Amino acid sequence: MKRFVKDFTEDLLKPLYKSEDIPEKNDKPVKVVVGHNWDTIVNDKTKDVLVEFYAPWCGHCKKLTPIYNKLAETLSSNPNIVIAKIDGTLNDIEGVNV
C-alpha cells in the first residue's frame, strides 16, 4: 500500500484502459480498432482516418453498418484513407470521451 501511495503522489501510476484483443486479421475494408491498436491505426499521421464509435446494441449503429461498409469498399483502393470502427462499450481511449 505504501508503494502505491508513493507512486500515486509522484505521478508514476498509469491509468488502466480497457481494450479488446487486437484482431489477428484486419483485412476487411472497415478496419477494427481496439484500445491497444488505436495509436498505430488512428494516430497514423500519414493517413486520413474516419472512425465510427459504435455500440453493438445500438439501433442507429446497426442501421449505419451497410452504409459505412459501402463507403469503406468505395474508398478501399486509396491507401491514404482508412475507414475504421471501434466498439465504444469494450474499449477506452486516453483523451477520448465517448
PDB file of N, CA and C in Angstrom:
ATOM      1  N   MET A   1       0.823  -1.181   0.000  1.00  0.00           N
ATOM      2  CA  MET A   1       0.000   0.000   0.000  1.00  0.00           C
ATOM      3  C   MET A   1       0.874   1.254   0.000  1.00  0.00           C
ATOM      4  N   LYS A   2       1.961   1.203   0.774  1.00  0.00           N
ATOM      5  CA  LYS A   2       2.865   2.357   0.832  1.00  0.00           C
ATOM      6  C   LYS A   2       3.434   2.659  -0.549  1.00  0.00           C
ATOM      7  N   ARG A   3       3.793   1.615  -1.271  1.00  0.00           N
ATOM      8  CA  ARG A   3       4.366   1.800  -2.612  1.00  0.00           C
ATOM      9  C   ARG A   3       3.340   2.451  -3.549  1.00  0.00           C
ATOM     10  N   PHE A   4       2.101   1.993  -3.458  1.00  0.00           N
ATOM     11  CA  PHE A   4       1.042   2.554  -4.297  1.00  0.00           C
ATOM     12  C   PHE A   4       0.864   4.047  -3.997  1.00  0.00           C
ATOM     13  N   VAL A   5       0.781   4.402  -2.737  1.00  0.00           N
ATOM     14  CA  VAL A   5       0.591   5.804  -2.357  1.00  0.00           C
ATOM     15  C   VAL A   5       1.784   6.635  -2.813  1.00  0.00           C
ATOM     16  N   LYS A   6       2.989   6.102  -2.631  1.00  0.00           N
ATOM     17  CA  LYS A   6       4.195   6.815  -3.067  1.00  0.00           C
ATOM     18  C   LYS A   6       4.171   7.035  -4.578  1.00  0.00           C
ATOM     19  N   ASP A   7       3.869   5.955  -5.342  1.00  0.00           N
ATOM     20  CA  ASP A   7       3.793   6.077  -6.803  1.00  0.00           C
ATOM     21  C   ASP A   7       2.698   7.047  -7.223  1.00  0.00           C
ATOM     22  N   PHE A   8       1.578   7.031  -6.502  1.00  0.00           N
ATOM     23  CA  PHE A   8       0.477   7.949  -6.810  1.00  0.00           C
ATOM     24  C   PHE A   8       0.897   9.400  -6.587  1.00  0.00           C
ATOM     25  N   THR A   9       1.497   9.679  -5.452  1.00  0.00           N
ATOM     26  CA  THR A   9       1.881  11.060  -5.140  1.00  0.00           C
ATOM     27  C   THR A   9       3.004  11.558  -6.052  1.00  0.00           C
ATOM     28  N   GLU A  10       3.789  10.645  -6.601  1.00  0.00           N
ATOM     29  CA  GLU A  10       4.865  11.028  -7.519  1.00  0.00           C
ATOM     30  C   GLU A  10       4.419  10.954  -8.983  1.00  0.00           C
ATOM     31  N   ASP A  11       3.125  10.728  -9.189  1.00  0.00           N
ATOM     32  CA  ASP A  11       2.534  10.669 -10.537  1.00  0.00           C
ATOM     33  C   ASP A  11       3.198   9.610 -11.424  1.00  0.00           C
ATOM     34  N   LEU A  12       3.496   8.463 -10.828  1.00  0.00           N
ATOM     35  CA  LEU A  12       4.130   7.372 -11.563  1.00  0.00           C
ATOM     36  C   LEU A  12       3.135   6.303 -12.020  1.00  0.00           C
ATOM     37  N   LEU A  13       1.902   6.405 -11.568  1.00  0.00           N
ATOM     38  CA  LEU A  13       0.904   5.403 -11.949  1.00  0.00           C
ATOM     39  C   LEU A  13       0.331   5.713 -13.325  1.00  0.00           C
ATOM     40  N   LYS A  14       0.078   4.678 -14.071  1.00  0.00           N
ATOM     41  CA  LYS A  14      -0.551   4.833 -15.381  1.00  0.00           C
ATOM     42  C   LYS A  14      -1.978   4.311 -15.294  1.00  0.00           C
ATOM     43  N   PRO A  15      -2.926   5.017 -15.918  1.00  0.00           N
ATOM     44  CA  PRO A  15      -4.315   4.554 -15.858  1.00  0.00           C
ATOM     45  C   PRO A  15      -4.483   3.235 -16.615  1.00  0.00           C
ATOM     46  N   LEU A  16      -5.433   2.460 -16.185  1.00  0.00           N
ATOM     47  CA  LEU A  16      -5.750   1.200 -16.834  1.00  0.00           C
ATOM     48  C   LEU A  16      -6.946   1.430 -17.760  1.00  0.00           C
ATOM     49  N   TYR A  17      -6.745   1.205 -19.040  1.00  0.00           N
ATOM     50  CA  TYR A  17      -7.814   1.362 -20.023  1.00  0.00           C
ATOM     51  C   TYR A  17      -8.230  -0.010 -20.526  1.00  0.00           C
ATOM     52  N   LYS A  18      -9.540  -0.209 -20.665  1.00  0.00           N
ATOM     53  CA  LYS A  18      -9.995  -1.499 -21.167  1.00  0.00           C
ATOM     54  C   LYS A  18      -9.814  -1.553 -22.680  1.00  0.00           C
ATOM     55  N   SER A  19      -9.523  -2.743 -23.172  1.00  0.00           N
ATOM     56  CA  SER A  19      -9.327  -2.940 -24.601  1.00  0.00           C
ATOM     57  C   SER A  19      -9.607  -4.390 -24.959  1.00  0.00           C
ATOM     58  N   GLU A  20     -10.259  -4.569 -26.085  1.00  0.00           N
ATOM     59  CA  GLU A  20     -10.373  -5.908 -26.647  1.00  0.00           C
ATOM     60  C   GLU A  20      -8.989  -6.304 -27.158  1.00  0.00           C
ATOM     61  N   ASP A  21      -8.813  -7.587 -27.470  1.00  0.00           N
ATOM     62  CA  ASP A  21      -7.565  -8.031 -28.079  1.00  0.00           C
ATOM     63  C   ASP A  21      -7.466  -7.480 -29.496  1.00  0.00           C
ATOM     64  N   ILE A  22      -6.243  -7.222 -29.934  1.00  0.00           N
ATOM     65  CA  ILE A  22      -6.018  -6.782 -31.312  1.00  0.00           C
ATOM     66  C   ILE A  22      -6.405  -7.932 -32.233  1.00  0.00           C
ATOM     67  N   PRO A  23      -7.229  -7.670 -33.258  1.00  0.00           N
ATOM     68  CA  PRO A  23      -7.643  -8.756 -34.146  1.00  0.00           C
ATOM     69  C   PRO A  23      -6.442  -9.357 -34.887  1.00  0.00           C
ATOM     70  N   GLU A  24      -6.450 -10.687 -35.020  1.00  0.00           N
ATOM     71  CA  GLU A  24      -5.378 -11.361 -35.752  1.00  0.00           C
ATOM     72  C   GLU A  24      -5.390 -10.967 -37.218  1.00  0.00           C
ATOM     73  N   LYS A  25      -6.581 -10.869 -37.798  1.00  0.00           N
ATOM     74  CA  LYS A  25      -6.737 -10.425 -39.179  1.00  0.00           C
ATOM     75  C   LYS A  25      -7.540  -9.137 -39.175  1.00  0.00           C
ATOM     76  N   ASN A  26      -7.086  -8.193 -39.960  1.00  0.00           N
ATOM     77  CA  ASN A  26      -7.782  -6.906 -40.050  1.00  0.00           C
ATOM     78  C   ASN A  26      -7.731  -6.456 -41.508  1.00  0.00           C
ATOM     79  N   ASP A  27      -8.192  -7.338 -42.380  1.00  0.00           N
ATOM     80  CA  ASP A  27      -8.029  -7.109 -43.811  1.00  0.00           C
ATOM     81  C   ASP A  27      -9.328  -6.748 -44.539  1.00  0.00           C
ATOM     82  N   LYS A  28     -10.377  -6.489 -43.797  1.00  0.00           N
ATOM     83  CA  LYS A  28     -11.633  -6.069 -44.430  1.00  0.00           C
ATOM     84  C   LYS A  28     -11.579  -4.556 -44.678  1.00  0.00           C
ATOM     85  N   PRO A  29     -12.450  -4.051 -45.542  1.00  0.00           N
ATOM     86  CA  PRO A  29     -12.428  -2.609 -45.835  1.00  0.00           C
ATOM     87  C   PRO A  29     -12.600  -1.722 -44.599  1.00  0.00           C
ATOM     88  N   VAL A  30     -13.449  -2.140 -43.653  1.00  0.00           N
ATOM     89  CA  VAL A  30     -13.591  -1.395 -42.397  1.00  0.00           C
ATOM     90  C   VAL A  30     -12.622  -2.019 -41.393  1.00  0.00           C
ATOM     91  N   LYS A  31     -11.632  -1.251 -41.001  1.00  0.00           N
ATOM     92  CA  LYS A  31     -10.620  -1.735 -40.060  1.00  0.00           C
ATOM     93  C   LYS A  31     -11.178  -1.714 -38.642  1.00  0.00           C
ATOM     94  N   VAL A  32     -10.849  -2.748 -37.887  1.00  0.00           N
ATOM     95  CA  VAL A  32     -11.295  -2.842 -36.500  1.00  0.00           C
ATOM     96  C   VAL A  32     -10.222  -2.239 -35.608  1.00  0.00           C
ATOM     97  N   VAL A  33     -10.635  -1.239 -34.853  1.00  0.00           N
ATOM     98  CA  VAL A  33      -9.737  -0.578 -33.911  1.00  0.00           C
ATOM     99  C   VAL A  33     -10.138  -1.002 -32.510  1.00  0.00           C
ATOM    100  N   VAL A  34      -9.138  -1.248 -31.672  1.00  0.00           N
ATOM    101  CA  VAL A  34      -9.353  -1.528 -30.250  1.00  0.00           C
ATOM    102  C   VAL A  34      -8.424  -0.594 -29.475  1.00  0.00           C
ATOM    103  N   GLY A  35      -8.558  -0.593 -28.192  1.00  0.00           N
ATOM    104  CA  GLY A  35      -7.737   0.301 -27.386  1.00  0.00           C
ATOM    105  C   GLY A  35      -6.243   0.125 -27.628  1.00  0.00           C
ATOM    106  N   HIS A  36      -5.804  -1.127 -27.800  1.00  0.00           N
ATOM    107  CA  HIS A  36      -4.377  -1.414 -27.943  1.00  0.00           C
ATOM    108  C   HIS A  36      -3.800  -1.063 -29.313  1.00  0.00           C
ATOM    109  N   ASN A  37      -4.625  -0.895 -30.344  1.00  0.00           N
ATOM    110  CA  ASN A  37      -4.061  -0.536 -31.654  1.00  0.00           C
ATOM    111  C   ASN A  37      -4.520   0.853 -32.129  1.00  0.00           C
ATOM    112  N   TRP A  38      -5.140   1.612 -31.253  1.00  0.00           N
ATOM    113  CA  TRP A  38      -5.622   2.952 -31.577  1.00  0.00           C
ATOM    114  C   TRP A  38      -4.501   3.821 -32.137  1.00  0.00           C
ATOM    115  N   ASP A  39      -3.403   3.878 -31.429  1.00  0.00           N
ATOM    116  CA  ASP A  39      -2.303   4.757 -31.855  1.00  0.00           C
ATOM    117  C   ASP A  39      -1.762   4.371 -33.230  1.00  0.00           C
ATOM    118  N   THR A  40      -1.589   3.093 -33.485  1.00  0.00           N
ATOM    119  CA  THR A  40      -0.997   2.686 -34.761  1.00  0.00           C
ATOM    120  C   THR A  40      -1.941   2.890 -35.939  1.00  0.00           C
ATOM    121  N   ILE A  41      -3.242   2.806 -35.714  1.00  0.00           N
ATOM    122  CA  ILE A  41      -4.188   2.974 -36.822  1.00  0.00           C
ATOM    123  C   ILE A  41      -4.705   4.403 -36.914  1.00  0.00           C
ATOM    124  N   VAL A  42      -5.262   4.902 -35.845  1.00  0.00           N
ATOM    125  CA  VAL A  42      -5.950   6.193 -35.889  1.00  0.00           C
ATOM    126  C   VAL A  42      -4.975   7.374 -35.850  1.00  0.00           C
ATOM    127  N   ASN A  43      -3.916   7.254 -35.097  1.00  0.00           N
ATOM    128  CA  ASN A  43      -2.971   8.361 -34.975  1.00  0.00           C
ATOM    129  C   ASN A  43      -1.852   8.299 -36.001  1.00  0.00           C
ATOM    130  N   ASP A  44      -2.023   7.508 -37.035  1.00  0.00           N
ATOM    131  CA  ASP A  44      -1.052   7.439 -38.127  1.00  0.00           C
ATOM    132  C   ASP A  44      -1.157   8.732 -38.934  1.00  0.00           C
ATOM    133  N   LYS A  45      -0.161   9.580 -38.821  1.00  0.00           N
ATOM    134  CA  LYS A  45      -0.207  10.901 -39.459  1.00  0.00           C
ATOM    135  C   LYS A  45      -0.093  10.839 -40.983  1.00  0.00           C
ATOM    136  N   THR A  46       0.195   9.665 -41.532  1.00  0.00           N
ATOM    137  CA  THR A  46       0.297   9.533 -42.983  1.00  0.00           C
ATOM    138  C   THR A  46      -1.044   9.174 -43.615  1.00  0.00           C
ATOM    139  N   LYS A  47      -2.074   8.979 -42.788  1.00  0.00           N
ATOM    140  CA  LYS A  47      -3.392   8.560 -43.288  1.00  0.00           C
ATOM    141  C   LYS A  47      -4.484   9.519 -42.805  1.00  0.00           C
ATOM    142  N   ASP A  48      -5.542   9.577 -43.599  1.00  0.00           N
ATOM    143  CA  ASP A  48      -6.779  10.236 -43.173  1.00  0.00           C
ATOM    144  C   ASP A  48      -7.695   9.126 -42.669  1.00  0.00           C
ATOM    145  N   VAL A  49      -8.150   9.243 -41.426  1.00  0.00           N
ATOM    146  CA  VAL A  49      -8.889   8.162 -40.777  1.00  0.00           C
ATOM    147  C   VAL A  49     -10.260   8.656 -40.324  1.00  0.00           C
ATOM    148  N   LEU A  50     -11.289   7.895 -40.682  1.00  0.00           N
ATOM    149  CA  LEU A  50     -12.647   8.136 -40.200  1.00  0.00           C
ATOM    150  C   LEU A  50     -12.987   6.989 -39.258  1.00  0.00           C
ATOM    151  N   VAL A  51     -13.350   7.312 -38.022  1.00  0.00           N
ATOM    152  CA  VAL A  51     -13.634   6.282 -37.022  1.00  0.00           C
ATOM    153  C   VAL A  51     -15.086   6.362 -36.584  1.00  0.00           C
ATOM    154  N   GLU A  52     -15.743   5.230 -36.607  1.00  0.00           N
ATOM    155  CA  GLU A  52     -17.093   5.108 -36.051  1.00  0.00           C
ATOM    156  C   GLU A  52     -16.976   4.493 -34.664  1.00  0.00           C
ATOM    157  N   PHE A  53     -17.462   5.196 -33.656  1.00  0.00           N
ATOM    158  CA  PHE A  53     -17.597   4.634 -32.318  1.00  0.00           C
ATOM    159  C   PHE A  53     -19.007   4.050 -32.258  1.00  0.00           C
ATOM    160  N   TYR A  54     -19.116   2.768 -31.986  1.00  0.00           N
ATOM    161  CA  TYR A  54     -20.433   2.135 -32.011  1.00  0.00           C
ATOM    162  C   TYR A  54     -20.664   1.296 -30.763  1.00  0.00           C
ATOM    163  N   ALA A  55     -21.918   0.971 -30.557  1.00  0.00           N
ATOM    164  CA  ALA A  55     -22.318   0.013 -29.527  1.00  0.00           C
ATOM    165  C   ALA A  55     -23.083  -1.095 -30.252  1.00  0.00           C
ATOM    166  N   PRO A  56     -22.754  -2.345 -30.000  1.00  0.00           N
ATOM    167  CA  PRO A  56     -23.386  -3.452 -30.729  1.00  0.00           C
ATOM    168  C   PRO A  56     -24.905  -3.486 -30.609  1.00  0.00           C
ATOM    169  N   TRP A  57     -25.439  -2.965 -29.522  1.00  0.00           N
ATOM    170  CA  TRP A  57     -26.883  -2.989 -29.292  1.00  0.00           C
ATOM    171  C   TRP A  57     -27.599  -1.766 -29.868  1.00  0.00           C
ATOM    172  N   CYS A  58     -26.865  -0.781 -30.373  1.00  0.00           N
ATOM    173  CA  CYS A  58     -27.448   0.485 -30.819  1.00  0.00           C
ATOM    174  C   CYS A  58     -28.141   0.349 -32.173  1.00  0.00           C
ATOM    175  N   GLY A  59     -29.398   0.696 -32.223  1.00  0.00           N
ATOM    176  CA  GLY A  59     -30.168   0.616 -33.462  1.00  0.00           C
ATOM    177  C   GLY A  59     -29.639   1.535 -34.551  1.00  0.00           C
ATOM    178  N   HIS A  60     -29.247   2.739 -34.195  1.00  0.00           N
ATOM    179  CA  HIS A  60     -28.699   3.685 -35.178  1.00  0.00           C
ATOM    180  C   HIS A  60     -27.391   3.147 -35.755  1.00  0.00           C
ATOM    181  N   CYS A  61     -26.568   2.559 -34.895  1.00  0.00           N
ATOM    182  CA  CYS A  61     -25.292   1.984 -35.349  1.00  0.00           C
ATOM    183  C   CYS A  61     -25.543   0.828 -36.317  1.00  0.00           C
ATOM    184  N   LYS A  62     -26.520  -0.011 -35.992  1.00  0.00           N
ATOM    185  CA  LYS A  62     -26.848  -1.142 -36.862  1.00  0.00           C
ATOM    186  C   LYS A  62     -27.338  -0.653 -38.224  1.00  0.00           C
ATOM    187  N   LYS A  63     -28.113   0.413 -38.212  1.00  0.00           N
ATOM    188  CA  LYS A  63     -28.631   0.966 -39.464  1.00  0.00           C
ATOM    189  C   LYS A  63     -27.509   1.574 -40.312  1.00  0.00           C
ATOM    190  N   LEU A  64     -26.488   2.132 -39.658  1.00  0.00           N
ATOM    191  CA  LEU A  64     -25.363   2.733 -40.363  1.00  0.00           C
ATOM    192  C   LEU A  64     -24.423   1.692 -40.974  1.00  0.00           C
ATOM    193  N   THR A  65     -24.370   0.490 -40.432  1.00  0.00           N
ATOM    194  CA  THR A  65     -23.389  -0.517 -40.836  1.00  0.00           C
ATOM    195  C   THR A  65     -23.316  -0.747 -42.341  1.00  0.00           C
ATOM    196  N   PRO A  66     -24.413  -1.018 -43.060  1.00  0.00           N
ATOM    197  CA  PRO A  66     -24.269  -1.258 -44.503  1.00  0.00           C
ATOM    198  C   PRO A  66     -23.777  -0.029 -45.270  1.00  0.00           C
ATOM    199  N   ILE A  67     -24.170   1.148 -44.833  1.00  0.00           N
ATOM    200  CA  ILE A  67     -23.730   2.389 -45.483  1.00  0.00           C
ATOM    201  C   ILE A  67     -22.235   2.590 -45.230  1.00  0.00           C
ATOM    202  N   TYR A  68     -21.812   2.363 -44.016  1.00  0.00           N
ATOM    203  CA  TYR A  68     -20.409   2.512 -43.639  1.00  0.00           C
ATOM    204  C   TYR A  68     -19.537   1.500 -44.380  1.00  0.00           C
ATOM    205  N   ASN A  69     -20.030   0.259 -44.492  1.00  0.00           N
ATOM    206  CA  ASN A  69     -19.305  -0.776 -45.242  1.00  0.00           C
ATOM    207  C   ASN A  69     -19.160  -0.389 -46.706  1.00  0.00           C
ATOM    208  N   LYS A  70     -20.213   0.152 -47.288  1.00  0.00           N
ATOM    209  CA  LYS A  70     -20.166   0.560 -48.693  1.00  0.00           C
ATOM    210  C   LYS A  70     -19.158   1.700 -48.879  1.00  0.00           C
ATOM    211  N   LEU A  71     -19.145   2.645 -47.963  1.00  0.00           N
ATOM    212  CA  LEU A  71     -18.172   3.729 -48.014  1.00  0.00           C
ATOM    213  C   LEU A  71     -16.753   3.164 -47.974  1.00  0.00           C
ATOM    214  N   ALA A  72     -16.506   2.236 -47.064  1.00  0.00           N
ATOM    215  CA  ALA A  72     -15.174   1.632 -46.930  1.00  0.00           C
ATOM    216  C   ALA A  72     -14.776   0.891 -48.204  1.00  0.00           C
ATOM    217  N   GLU A  73     -15.711   0.160 -48.797  1.00  0.00           N
ATOM    218  CA  GLU A  73     -15.417  -0.557 -50.044  1.00  0.00           C
ATOM    219  C   GLU A  73     -15.087   0.428 -51.160  1.00  0.00           C
ATOM    220  N   THR A  74     -15.847   1.511 -51.236  1.00  0.00           N
ATOM    221  CA  THR A  74     -15.634   2.517 -52.281  1.00  0.00           C
ATOM    222  C   THR A  74     -14.258   3.167 -52.153  1.00  0.00           C
ATOM    223  N   LEU A  75     -13.815   3.409 -50.936  1.00  0.00           N
ATOM    224  CA  LEU A  75     -12.547   4.098 -50.705  1.00  0.00           C
ATOM    225  C   LEU A  75     -11.363   3.154 -50.478  1.00  0.00           C
ATOM    226  N   SER A  76     -11.595   1.854 -50.520  1.00  0.00           N
ATOM    227  CA  SER A  76     -10.543   0.889 -50.185  1.00  0.00           C
ATOM    228  C   SER A  76      -9.352   0.920 -51.137  1.00  0.00           C
ATOM    229  N   SER A  77      -9.530   1.425 -52.336  1.00  0.00           N
ATOM    230  CA  SER A  77      -8.411   1.481 -53.288  1.00  0.00           C
ATOM    231  C   SER A  77      -7.454   2.635 -52.986  1.00  0.00           C
ATOM    232  N   ASN A  78      -7.855   3.554 -52.116  1.00  0.00           N
ATOM    233  CA  ASN A  78      -6.993   4.680 -51.749  1.00  0.00           C
ATOM    234  C   ASN A  78      -6.202   4.311 -50.492  1.00  0.00           C
ATOM    235  N   PRO A  79      -4.890   4.101 -50.610  1.00  0.00           N
ATOM    236  CA  PRO A  79      -4.095   3.673 -49.451  1.00  0.00           C
ATOM    237  C   PRO A  79      -3.923   4.750 -48.379  1.00  0.00           C
ATOM    238  N   ASN A  80      -4.334   5.973 -48.674  1.00  0.00           N
ATOM    239  CA  ASN A  80      -4.178   7.066 -47.717  1.00  0.00           C
ATOM    240  C   ASN A  80      -5.409   7.293 -46.851  1.00  0.00           C
ATOM    241  N   ILE A  81      -6.470   6.527 -47.109  1.00  0.00           N
ATOM    242  CA  ILE A  81      -7.714   6.680 -46.351  1.00  0.00           C
ATOM    243  C   ILE A  81      -8.015   5.385 -45.604  1.00  0.00           C
ATOM    244  N   VAL A  82      -8.336   5.527 -44.331  1.00  0.00           N
ATOM    245  CA  VAL A  82      -8.707   4.376 -43.511  1.00  0.00           C
ATOM    246  C   VAL A  82     -10.100   4.618 -42.953  1.00  0.00           C
ATOM    247  N   ILE A  83     -10.984   3.674 -43.178  1.00  0.00           N
ATOM    248  CA  ILE A  83     -12.322   3.688 -42.583  1.00  0.00           C
ATOM    249  C   ILE A  83     -12.281   2.644 -41.474  1.00  0.00           C
ATOM    250  N   ALA A  84     -12.563   3.072 -40.249  1.00  0.00           N
ATOM    251  CA  ALA A  84     -12.393   2.193 -39.099  1.00  0.00           C
ATOM    252  C   ALA A  84     -13.598   2.271 -38.171  1.00  0.00           C
ATOM    253  N   LYS A  85     -13.678   1.280 -37.287  1.00  0.00           N
ATOM    254  CA  LYS A  85     -14.738   1.262 -36.280  1.00  0.00           C
ATOM    255  C   LYS A  85     -14.163   0.733 -34.976  1.00  0.00           C
ATOM    256  N   ILE A  86     -14.741   1.197 -33.874  1.00  0.00           N
ATOM    257  CA  ILE A  86     -14.327   0.741 -32.547  1.00  0.00           C
ATOM    258  C   ILE A  86     -15.570   0.574 -31.681  1.00  0.00           C
ATOM    259  N   ASP A  87     -15.638  -0.542 -30.986  1.00  0.00           N
ATOM    260  CA  ASP A  87     -16.738  -0.790 -30.060  1.00  0.00           C
ATOM    261  C   ASP A  87     -16.502   0.072 -28.820  1.00  0.00           C
ATOM    262  N   GLY A  88     -17.276   1.105 -28.694  1.00  0.00           N
ATOM    263  CA  GLY A  88     -17.127   2.045 -27.585  1.00  0.00           C
ATOM    264  C   GLY A  88     -17.525   1.481 -26.238  1.00  0.00           C
ATOM    265  N   THR A  89     -18.156   0.315 -26.225  1.00  0.00           N
ATOM    266  CA  THR A  89     -18.542  -0.288 -24.954  1.00  0.00           C
ATOM    267  C   THR A  89     -17.442  -1.181 -24.387  1.00  0.00           C
ATOM    268  N   LEU A  90     -16.486  -1.586 -25.221  1.00  0.00           N
ATOM    269  CA  LEU A  90     -15.448  -2.516 -24.783  1.00  0.00           C
ATOM    270  C   LEU A  90     -14.038  -1.941 -24.823  1.00  0.00           C
ATOM    271  N   ASN A  91     -13.907  -0.697 -25.283  1.00  0.00           N
ATOM    272  CA  ASN A  91     -12.590  -0.100 -25.436  1.00  0.00           C
ATOM    273  C   ASN A  91     -12.581   1.324 -24.913  1.00  0.00           C
ATOM    274  N   ASP A  92     -11.518   1.663 -24.210  1.00  0.00           N
ATOM    275  CA  ASP A  92     -11.292   3.029 -23.736  1.00  0.00           C
ATOM    276  C   ASP A  92     -10.090   3.598 -24.472  1.00  0.00           C
ATOM    277  N   ILE A  93     -10.143   4.879 -24.746  1.00  0.00           N
ATOM    278  CA  ILE A  93      -9.039   5.569 -25.398  1.00  0.00           C
ATOM    279  C   ILE A  93      -8.676   6.770 -24.533  1.00  0.00           C
ATOM    280  N   GLU A  94      -7.405   6.874 -24.200  1.00  0.00           N
ATOM    281  CA  GLU A  94      -6.949   8.002 -23.399  1.00  0.00           C
ATOM    282  C   GLU A  94      -7.231   9.301 -24.132  1.00  0.00           C
ATOM    283  N   GLY A  95      -7.881  10.238 -23.464  1.00  0.00           N
ATOM    284  CA  GLY A  95      -8.168  11.542 -24.037  1.00  0.00           C
ATOM    285  C   GLY A  95      -9.414  11.584 -24.898  1.00  0.00           C
ATOM    286  N   VAL A  96     -10.093  10.458 -25.082  1.00  0.00           N
ATOM    287  CA  VAL A  96     -11.312  10.413 -25.882  1.00  0.00           C
ATOM    288  C   VAL A  96     -12.458  10.015 -24.968  1.00  0.00           C
ATOM    289  N   ASN A  97     -13.465  10.852 -24.889  1.00  0.00           N
ATOM    290  CA  ASN A  97     -14.616  10.591 -24.036  1.00  0.00           C
ATOM    291  C   ASN A  97     -15.842  10.380 -24.934  1.00  0.00           C
ATOM    292  N   VAL A  98     -16.319   9.158 -24.991  1.00  0.00           N
ATOM    293  CA  VAL A  98     -17.456   8.830 -25.856  1.00  0.00           C
ATOM    294  C   VAL A  98     -18.715   8.772 -25.028  1.00  0.00           C
TER     295      VAL A  98
END
